[in-house]
C-alpha atoms as a PDB file:
ATOM      1  CA  MET A   1      -1.008  -5.984  16.918  1.00  0.00           C
ATOM      2  CA  ALA A   2      -4.095  -8.381  17.347  1.00  0.00           C
ATOM      3  CA  ILE A   3      -3.746  -9.674  13.891  1.00  0.00           C
ATOM      4  CA  SER A   4       0.029 -10.295  14.266  1.00  0.00           C
ATOM      5  CA  LEU A   5      -0.521 -12.034  17.534  1.00  0.00           C
ATOM      6  CA  SER A   6      -3.336 -14.120  16.104  1.00  0.00           C
ATOM      7  CA  VAL A   7      -0.969 -15.215  13.214  1.00  0.00           C
ATOM      8  CA  VAL A   8       1.867 -16.254  15.692  1.00  0.00           C
ATOM      9  CA  VAL A   9      -0.446 -18.294  17.630  1.00  0.00           C
ATOM     10  CA  LEU A  10      -1.911 -19.983  14.448  1.00  0.00           C
ATOM     11  CA  LEU A  11       1.473 -20.709  13.256  1.00  0.00           C
ATOM     12  CA  ALA A  12       2.580 -22.026  16.680  1.00  0.00           C
ATOM     13  CA  VAL A  13      -0.360 -24.429  16.559  1.00  0.00           C
ATOM     14  CA  ILE A  14       0.460 -25.556  13.000  1.00  0.00           C
ATOM     15  CA  LEU A  15       4.147 -26.185  13.953  1.00  0.00           C
ATOM     16  CA  VAL A  16       2.980 -28.172  17.078  1.00  0.00           C
ATOM     17  CA  ILE A  17       0.649 -30.245  14.766  1.00  0.00           C
ATOM     18  CA  LEU A  18       3.267 -30.924  12.225  1.00  0.00           C
ATOM     19  CA  ILE A  19       5.862 -32.002  14.882  1.00  0.00           C
ATOM     20  CA  ARG A  20       3.471 -34.159  16.833  1.00  0.00           C
ATOM     21  CA  GLY A  21       2.149 -35.709  13.605  1.00  0.00           C
ATOM     22  CA  GLY A  22       5.798 -36.551  12.482  1.00  0.00           C
ATOM     23  CA  ASN A  23       5.594 -34.541   9.343  1.00  0.00           C
ATOM     24  CA  LEU A  24       8.201 -32.152  10.633  1.00  0.00           C
ATOM     25  CA  LYS A  25      11.163 -33.105  12.943  1.00  0.00           C
ATOM     26  CA  PRO A  26      12.327 -30.795  15.834  1.00  0.00           C
ATOM     27  CA  GLY A  27      15.516 -29.887  14.163  1.00  0.00           C
ATOM     28  CA  PRO A  28      13.994 -28.293  10.947  1.00  0.00           C
ATOM     29  CA  ALA A  29      11.396 -26.915  13.108  1.00  0.00           C
ATOM     30  CA  ILE A  30      13.841 -25.077  15.308  1.00  0.00           C
ATOM     31  CA  ALA A  31      15.714 -23.884  12.190  1.00  0.00           C
ATOM     32  CA  ALA A  32      12.397 -22.618  10.733  1.00  0.00           C
ATOM     33  CA  VAL A  33      11.767 -20.720  13.898  1.00  0.00           C
ATOM     34  CA  LEU A  34      15.142 -19.241  14.021  1.00  0.00           C
ATOM     35  CA  PHE A  35      14.799 -18.149  10.360  1.00  0.00           C
ATOM     36  CA  GLY A  36      11.667 -16.347  11.134  1.00  0.00           C
ATOM     37  CA  PHE A  37      13.152 -14.640  14.263  1.00  0.00           C
ATOM     38  CA  PHE A  38      16.197 -13.367  12.327  1.00  0.00           C
ATOM     39  CA  LEU A  39      14.158 -12.452   9.260  1.00  0.00           C
ATOM     40  CA  ALA A  40      12.155 -10.282  11.434  1.00  0.00           C
ATOM     41  CA  SER A  41      15.131  -8.086  12.200  1.00  0.00           C
ATOM     42  CA  THR A  42      16.067  -7.522   8.628  1.00  0.00           C
ATOM     43  CA  GLY A  43      15.102  -4.743   6.332  1.00  0.00           C
ATOM     44  CA  MET A  44      12.519  -7.029   4.753  1.00  0.00           C
ATOM     45  CA  ALA A  45      10.373  -7.127   7.848  1.00  0.00           C
ATOM     46  CA  PRO A  46       8.229  -4.039   7.158  1.00  0.00           C
ATOM     47  CA  SER A  47       7.565  -5.255   3.481  1.00  0.00           C
ATOM     48  CA  ILE A  48       6.461  -8.682   4.815  1.00  0.00           C
ATOM     49  CA  ASN A  49       4.377  -6.962   7.476  1.00  0.00           C
ATOM     50  CA  ARG A  50       2.619  -4.772   5.084  1.00  0.00           C
ATOM     51  CA  PHE A  51       2.002  -7.813   2.561  1.00  0.00           C
ATOM     52  CA  LEU A  52       0.487  -9.765   5.446  1.00  0.00           C
ATOM     53  CA  ASN A  53      -1.633  -6.786   6.640  1.00  0.00           C
ATOM     54  CA  SER A  54      -3.013  -6.547   3.091  1.00  0.00           C
ATOM     55  CA  ILE A  55      -3.977 -10.193   2.905  1.00  0.00           C
ATOM     56  CA  ALA A  56      -5.612  -9.954   6.254  1.00  0.00           C
ATOM     57  CA  ASP A  57      -7.558  -6.760   5.089  1.00  0.00           C
ATOM     58  CA  SER A  58      -8.581  -8.583   1.920  1.00  0.00           C
ATOM     59  CA  ILE A  59      -9.858 -11.531   3.859  1.00  0.00           C
ATOM     60  CA  SER A  60     -11.803  -9.304   6.340  1.00  0.00           C
ATOM     61  CA  SER A  61     -13.448  -7.470   3.580  1.00  0.00           C
ATOM     62  CA  ILE A  62     -14.976 -10.636   1.950  1.00  0.00           C
ATOM     63  CA  LYS A  63     -18.679 -10.748   2.702  1.00  0.00           C
ATOM     64  CA  PHE A  64     -20.433 -13.993   3.199  1.00  0.00           C
END
């Protein structure tokens, strides 16, 4: 839960930066958000969630 919330906040910040910087127009940004929203309700959502969790686990296991 904490990881998914962090990813959502990070992606929201990136989206705002891209819109304010002029690299992404509001129309395509809305389309991207809606795509993600509807993708989350498909059968692919558990696979995507497992993939992102495995990446987060890999990154957290790196020792500096």
